[in-house]
Amino acid sequence: MYSGSILAGLSFLLIVAMLVLIVVSILVPFFIMRIRREAIETNANLEKIIRIIEQQSGRGNGTSPKINTTI
């Protein structure tokens, strides 16, 4: 008598678990792609900052740094 209701409960839990796994397997790649895209954007921004610092120090364009010799 109880075996039918136990099997029904277990099958329901199995279906719910499978649905959760399907949803997770769909959403995780989207989060990975978002993190990857943000990392690429961050690297591009850091390259711009490094380029600006190098240009200000004179290293970026092959010239020596400008030294103010006026007193």
Protein backbone atom coordinates (compact mmCIF):
# COMPACT_ATOMS: atom_id res chain seq x y z
CA MET A 1 0.00 0.00 0.00
CA TYR A 2 2.78 2.44 0.87
CA SER A 3 5.12 1.25 -1.88
CA GLY A 4 3.06 2.98 -4.58
CA SER A 5 3.11 6.34 -2.84
CA ILE A 6 6.80 5.97 -2.05
CA LEU A 7 7.55 5.22 -5.70
CA ALA A 8 5.43 8.18 -6.79
CA GLY A 9 7.29 10.46 -4.38
CA LEU A 10 10.67 9.17 -5.53
CA SER A 11 9.77 9.57 -9.18
CA PHE A 12 8.60 13.13 -8.50
CA LEU A 13 11.90 13.91 -6.75
CA LEU A 14 13.80 12.35 -9.64
CA ILE A 15 11.93 14.52 -12.15
CA VAL A 16 12.56 17.65 -10.09
CA ALA A 17 16.25 16.77 -9.75
CA MET A 18 16.54 16.23 -13.50
CA LEU A 19 14.85 19.57 -14.21
CA VAL A 20 17.23 21.32 -11.81
CA LEU A 21 20.22 19.70 -13.53
CA ILE A 22 18.94 20.74 -16.95
CA VAL A 23 18.44 24.35 -15.84
CA VAL A 24 21.88 24.46 -14.22
CA SER A 25 23.53 22.94 -17.30
CA ILE A 26 21.93 25.65 -19.44
CA LEU A 27 22.69 28.60 -17.15
CA VAL A 28 26.30 27.80 -16.19
CA PRO A 29 27.72 28.32 -19.72
CA PHE A 30 26.03 31.73 -19.87
CA PHE A 31 27.69 32.76 -16.61
CA ILE A 32 31.04 31.48 -17.89
CA MET A 33 30.67 33.47 -21.12
CA ARG A 34 29.73 36.60 -19.14
CA ILE A 35 32.78 36.26 -16.88
CA ARG A 36 35.00 35.67 -19.92
CA ARG A 37 33.60 38.74 -21.70
CA GLU A 38 34.16 40.89 -18.61
CA ALA A 39 37.72 39.59 -18.30
CA ILE A 40 38.41 40.51 -21.92
CA GLU A 41 37.00 44.00 -21.36
CA THR A 42 39.06 44.41 -18.19
CA ASN A 43 42.23 43.34 -20.02
CA ALA A 44 41.51 45.85 -22.78
CA ASN A 45 41.03 48.61 -20.22
CA LEU A 46 44.25 47.65 -18.44
CA GLU A 47 46.14 47.72 -21.74
CA LYS A 48 44.84 51.25 -22.37
CA ILE A 49 45.95 52.34 -18.90
CA ILE A 50 49.39 50.79 -19.37
CA ARG A 51 49.72 52.45 -22.79
CA ILE A 52 48.81 55.86 -21.29
CA ILE A 53 51.31 55.43 -18.44
CA GLU A 54 54.04 54.37 -20.88
CA GLN A 55 53.34 57.37 -23.09
CA GLN A 56 53.45 59.73 -20.11
CA SER A 57 56.75 58.25 -18.97
CA GLY A 58 58.18 58.42 -22.47
CA ARG A 59 58.64 54.69 -22.84
CA GLY A 60 55.74 54.10 -25.16
CA ASN A 61 56.94 56.09 -28.19
CA GLY A 62 60.68 55.42 -28.09
CA THR A 63 61.68 58.78 -26.57
CA SER A 64 63.24 59.48 -23.25
CA PRO A 65 61.14 61.03 -20.50
CA LYS A 66 60.79 64.79 -20.64
CA ILE A 67 62.74 66.38 -17.81
CA ASN A 68 61.91 69.94 -16.88
CA THR A 69 65.26 71.73 -16.61
CA THR A 70 63.89 75.24 -16.14
CA ILE A 71 64.33 76.79 -12.73
